[in-house]
Protein backbone atom coordinates (compact mmCIF):
# COMPACT_ATOMS: atom_id res chain seq x y z
CA MET A 1 89.87 28.39 -108.75
CA ALA A 2 90.17 26.95 -112.25
CA GLU A 3 87.11 26.80 -114.45
CA GLU A 4 85.17 23.63 -113.73
CA ASN A 5 82.03 21.66 -114.47
CA THR A 6 79.78 19.95 -111.96
CA ILE A 7 78.27 16.56 -112.74
CA VAL A 8 75.10 15.39 -111.01
CA PHE A 9 75.46 11.97 -109.41
CA LYS A 10 72.62 10.79 -107.21
CA SER A 11 71.56 14.36 -106.47
CA GLU A 12 75.09 15.37 -105.53
CA GLN A 13 77.81 17.17 -107.43
CA ILE A 14 81.23 15.93 -108.46
CA SER A 15 83.58 18.63 -109.72
CA THR A 16 85.91 18.06 -112.63
CA PHE A 17 88.26 20.51 -114.34
CA THR A 18 87.75 21.22 -118.03
CA GLU A 19 90.36 23.84 -118.89
CA ARG A 20 92.86 21.22 -120.08
CA GLY A 21 90.42 19.46 -122.37
CA PHE A 22 89.95 16.37 -120.22
CA GLN A 23 87.67 13.64 -121.56
CA PRO A 24 84.14 13.18 -120.13
CA ILE A 25 85.02 10.02 -118.21
CA VAL A 26 83.33 11.14 -114.97
CA GLU A 27 80.13 11.93 -116.84
CA THR A 28 80.34 8.48 -118.44
CA PHE A 29 80.66 6.75 -115.08
CA CYS A 30 77.81 8.78 -113.62
CA SER A 31 75.41 8.13 -116.49
CA MET A 32 76.00 4.37 -116.28
CA LEU A 33 75.89 4.04 -112.49
CA ASN A 34 73.30 6.58 -111.43
CA ASP A 35 70.27 4.25 -111.55
CA ASN A 36 72.06 1.26 -110.02
CA ILE A 37 73.40 2.51 -106.71
CA GLY A 38 71.88 3.00 -103.28
CA ALA A 39 72.44 5.26 -100.31
CA PRO A 40 75.78 6.96 -99.65
CA ILE A 41 78.08 5.29 -97.14
CA ASP A 42 79.91 7.49 -94.64
CA THR A 43 81.55 4.83 -92.44
CA LEU A 44 83.77 1.93 -93.51
CA GLU A 45 85.27 -0.59 -91.08
CA GLU A 46 84.16 1.67 -88.21
CA LYS A 47 86.04 4.65 -89.65
CA SER A 48 84.42 7.78 -91.03
CA VAL A 49 85.00 8.64 -94.69
CA GLN A 50 82.66 11.63 -94.64
CA GLN A 51 85.54 14.05 -95.25
CA LEU A 52 86.34 12.31 -98.52
CA ARG A 53 82.72 12.47 -99.67
CA ASP A 54 82.59 16.19 -98.96
CA GLY A 55 85.88 16.76 -100.77
CA ILE A 56 89.49 17.25 -99.76
CA GLU A 57 91.81 20.00 -100.86
CA PHE A 58 95.59 19.97 -100.49
CA PRO A 59 98.24 21.82 -102.50
CA PHE A 60 99.06 18.51 -104.18
CA MET A 61 95.56 17.11 -104.64
CA LYS A 62 91.90 18.13 -104.77
CA GLY A 63 89.13 15.59 -105.06
CA VAL A 64 86.26 13.48 -103.81
CA PHE A 65 85.82 9.79 -103.02
CA LYS A 66 82.14 8.87 -103.00
CA VAL A 67 81.12 5.49 -101.61
CA TYR A 68 77.64 4.03 -102.10
CA ALA A 69 75.68 0.97 -101.12
CA MET A 70 74.80 -1.31 -104.02
CA ASP A 71 72.67 -4.43 -104.21
CA LYS A 72 74.86 -7.58 -104.18
CA CYS A 73 77.89 -5.48 -103.17
CA GLU A 74 79.48 -4.21 -99.98
CA LYS A 75 80.11 -0.91 -101.69
CA ILE A 76 80.89 0.83 -104.94
CA THR A 77 83.27 3.78 -105.06
CA LEU A 78 83.72 6.56 -107.59
CA SER A 79 86.78 8.78 -107.15
CA ASN A 80 87.61 11.98 -109.00
CA CYS A 81 90.80 13.93 -108.28
CA ILE A 82 93.01 16.61 -109.74
CA MET A 83 96.69 16.08 -108.98
CA MET A 84 99.09 19.05 -109.04
CA ASP A 85 96.40 21.01 -110.93
CA ARG A 86 97.24 19.18 -114.15
CA ILE A 87 96.47 15.44 -113.84
CA LEU A 88 92.96 14.04 -113.76
CA ALA A 89 92.67 10.75 -111.86
CA CYS A 90 89.36 8.87 -111.75
CA ALA A 91 88.38 5.34 -110.81
CA VAL A 92 85.48 3.00 -110.18
CA THR A 93 85.82 -0.04 -107.94
CA ALA A 94 83.21 -2.31 -106.39
CA ILE A 95 83.53 -4.98 -103.71
CA PRO A 96 80.93 -7.75 -104.11
CA ALA A 97 79.02 -8.96 -101.06
CA ASP A 98 80.08 -12.22 -99.47
CA ASP A 99 77.13 -14.14 -100.92
CA TYR A 100 78.31 -13.42 -104.47
CA GLU A 101 81.42 -14.44 -106.36
CA LEU A 102 81.24 -11.60 -108.84
CA PRO A 103 84.66 -10.39 -109.97
CA ILE A 104 85.94 -7.10 -108.59
CA PRO A 105 85.78 -4.41 -111.30
CA VAL A 106 88.81 -2.13 -111.37
CA LEU A 107 88.61 0.79 -113.81
CA GLU A 108 91.37 3.37 -113.40
CA TRP A 109 91.83 6.50 -115.51
CA SER A 110 94.68 9.03 -115.45
CA GLU A 111 94.87 11.91 -117.89
CA THR A 112 97.35 14.69 -118.59
CA GLU A 113 97.37 17.32 -121.32
CA ASN A 114 98.90 14.85 -123.78
CA VAL A 115 98.29 11.27 -122.58
CA ILE A 116 95.49 9.09 -121.21
CA SER A 117 96.51 6.11 -119.07
CA VAL A 118 94.00 3.34 -118.42
CA LEU A 119 93.75 0.09 -116.52
CA VAL A 120 90.53 -1.93 -116.82
CA ASP A 121 89.86 -5.43 -115.56
CA PHE A 122 87.66 -7.78 -113.55
CA ILE A 123 89.70 -9.39 -110.76
CA PRO A 124 88.43 -12.97 -110.38
CA ALA A 125 87.12 -14.15 -107.02
CA VAL A 126 88.40 -17.70 -107.58
CA ASP A 127 91.46 -19.63 -108.76
CA LEU A 128 90.88 -19.85 -112.49
CA ALA A 129 92.94 -23.03 -112.83
CA MET A 130 90.39 -24.74 -110.61
CA ARG A 131 87.28 -23.01 -111.98
CA GLN A 132 87.08 -22.89 -115.77
CA ASP A 133 83.33 -22.42 -115.41
CA TYR A 134 83.98 -19.13 -113.58
CA ARG A 135 86.15 -17.82 -116.40
CA GLU A 136 83.52 -18.74 -118.95
CA LYS A 137 80.71 -17.08 -116.99
CA TYR A 138 82.32 -13.96 -115.54
CA LEU A 139 85.39 -13.20 -117.66
CA ASP A 140 84.90 -14.52 -121.18
CA PRO A 141 82.19 -11.88 -121.86
CA LEU A 142 85.12 -9.44 -121.99
CA GLU A 143 86.85 -11.29 -124.81
CA GLN A 144 85.11 -9.38 -127.61
CA TYR A 145 86.30 -6.05 -126.20
CA TRP A 146 89.76 -7.29 -125.21
CA THR A 147 90.22 -8.52 -128.78
CA LYS A 148 88.97 -5.21 -130.13
CA TYR A 149 91.37 -3.04 -128.11
CA LYS A 150 94.43 -5.17 -127.27
CA ASP A 151 96.51 -4.19 -130.31
CA PHE A 152 95.71 -0.49 -130.24
CA PRO A 153 98.89 1.68 -130.12
CA GLY A 154 99.77 2.40 -126.51
CA MET A 155 98.59 -0.92 -125.06
CA GLU A 156 101.28 -2.51 -122.89
CA PRO A 157 101.69 -4.89 -119.94
CA ASN A 158 101.16 -3.50 -116.47
CA ARG A 159 104.61 -2.88 -114.98
CA PHE A 160 103.87 -4.01 -111.42
CA ALA A 161 104.21 -7.73 -110.67
CA TRP A 162 102.02 -7.46 -107.58
CA THR A 163 99.20 -6.11 -109.76
CA ARG A 164 99.64 -8.62 -112.59
CA GLN A 165 99.34 -11.56 -110.19
CA LEU A 166 95.74 -10.56 -109.47
CA LEU A 167 94.48 -9.65 -112.93
CA SER A 168 92.35 -11.65 -115.33
CA PRO A 169 93.32 -12.83 -118.83
CA TYR A 170 91.38 -9.84 -120.20
CA TYR A 171 92.99 -6.88 -118.50
CA LEU A 172 93.96 -3.86 -120.59
CA CYS A 173 96.65 -1.37 -119.64
CA ALA A 174 97.69 1.53 -121.84
CA HIS A 175 99.26 4.96 -122.21
CA ILE A 176 97.52 6.48 -125.22
CA SER A 177 98.41 9.72 -126.99
CA LYS A 178 95.68 12.37 -127.24
CA GLU A 179 96.98 13.72 -130.55
CA ASP A 180 94.23 11.89 -132.45
CA GLU A 181 90.59 12.66 -131.62
CA GLU A 182 89.71 9.04 -132.31
CA ASN A 183 92.18 7.96 -129.62
CA LYS A 184 90.38 10.05 -127.01
CA LYS A 185 86.99 8.61 -127.92
CA LEU A 186 88.39 5.09 -127.89
CA CYS A 187 89.65 5.48 -124.32
CA VAL A 188 86.16 6.43 -123.14
CA ASP A 189 84.70 3.51 -125.10
CA ILE A 190 87.02 1.05 -123.34
CA PHE A 191 85.60 2.10 -119.98
CA LYS A 192 82.00 2.08 -121.21
CA ASP A 193 82.39 -1.42 -122.66
CA TYR A 194 84.05 -2.95 -119.59
CA LEU A 195 81.74 -1.28 -117.08
CA GLY A 196 78.72 -2.23 -119.18
CA VAL A 197 79.72 -5.91 -119.13
CA TRP A 198 80.19 -5.86 -115.36
CA LEU A 199 76.80 -4.22 -114.78
CA GLY A 200 75.18 -6.94 -116.89
CA LEU A 201 76.90 -9.66 -114.83
CA TRP A 202 75.91 -7.88 -111.62
CA GLN A 203 72.25 -7.65 -112.62
CA ASN A 204 72.09 -11.41 -113.31
CA ALA A 205 74.24 -12.61 -110.40
CA GLU A 206 72.78 -15.18 -108.00
CA PRO A 207 73.98 -16.02 -104.48
CA VAL A 208 76.62 -18.73 -104.15
CA LYS A 209 75.04 -21.96 -102.90
CA ASP A 210 78.17 -23.99 -102.21
CA GLU A 211 79.53 -23.02 -98.77
CA GLN A 212 83.09 -24.14 -99.55
CA SER A 213 83.17 -21.99 -102.69
CA LYS A 214 81.76 -19.08 -100.73
CA LYS A 215 84.42 -19.41 -98.02
CA TYR A 216 87.19 -19.48 -100.59
CA SER A 217 85.83 -16.42 -102.39
CA ILE A 218 85.60 -14.46 -99.12
CA SER A 219 89.17 -15.37 -98.19
CA ARG A 220 90.52 -14.49 -101.62
CA LYS A 221 88.65 -11.17 -101.65
CA ALA A 222 90.16 -10.23 -98.27
CA GLN A 223 93.65 -11.01 -99.55
CA ILE A 224 93.12 -9.01 -102.74
CA ARG A 225 92.07 -5.99 -100.71
CA LYS A 226 95.09 -6.34 -98.44
CA ILE A 227 97.47 -6.56 -101.40
CA PHE A 228 96.04 -3.41 -102.97
CA ARG A 229 96.09 -1.47 -99.71
CA ASP A 230 99.67 -2.54 -98.94
CA ASN A 231 101.08 -1.89 -102.41
CA ASP A 232 99.12 0.97 -104.01
CA GLU A 233 101.76 3.12 -105.69
CA GLY A 234 99.76 6.33 -105.52
CA ALA A 235 99.20 5.89 -101.79
CA LYS A 236 102.91 5.45 -101.18
CA SER A 237 103.77 8.73 -102.89
CA MET A 238 100.93 10.68 -101.23
CA ARG A 239 101.52 9.76 -97.60
CA GLN A 240 103.99 12.57 -96.93
CA MET A 241 101.94 15.08 -98.95
CA ILE A 242 98.44 14.61 -97.56
CA GLY A 243 98.99 12.57 -94.41
CA GLU A 244 98.66 8.96 -93.27
CA GLU A 245 95.09 9.31 -92.03
CA THR A 246 93.74 10.68 -95.31
CA VAL A 247 95.59 8.11 -97.40
CA ASP A 248 94.33 5.24 -95.23
CA ALA A 249 90.76 6.55 -95.63
CA ILE A 250 91.20 6.68 -99.42
CA LEU A 251 92.38 3.07 -99.44
CA LEU A 252 89.35 2.09 -97.34
CA CYS A 253 87.09 3.69 -99.93
CA ASN A 254 88.75 2.13 -102.96
CA PHE A 255 89.30 -1.38 -101.60
């Protein structure tokens, strides 16, 4: 097996390969989340995801998908995979509990020997045209970081229409060259800044009092999850390689 590090996360270990000079994004996630999560979750929607927590290993992919309970959330998931022994793929997603209209954080990282690809955003739980107050409270805190990073070389629109229809005004999507050391540090900073904002919003979130708003948020959240599960590009390409059952379990973890 290739040389690897192990990162402690809630008294467990997540393996990540270091021989290709990958950035410490998993360590970053772990250091920010470690004190905020609860017990591990092994069953989602009456289906076991224990195998993914323990780790899966196929010729095409090796990795773990660790799901945890979290106050004010149904779950939070950290995934860490090596694809074809040369691509690092990591992500953090969280699904807020029904009593909260927190946005859904989506932080996706893909890294090769030469390029880092990122997608970071908070998917709103409401129709922003109808709820300017929601944008101001839950999304506008991202503006300082969006403004800071939006013109950096490599930033570009997300190429999937089904994804863009869900995203906030402050999403960032990029394919950034690793030639410059500053570029590599900047990519990690993007994730730290966005995740830090979401954790601050999460800590201060209060339950929704208006029942009609709550119903709408629950319905929208369910549709967002369905759209991601039905359209995830990585899942489509992996079904023949690792099997329908494993892919469906990964989608359960992530959304």
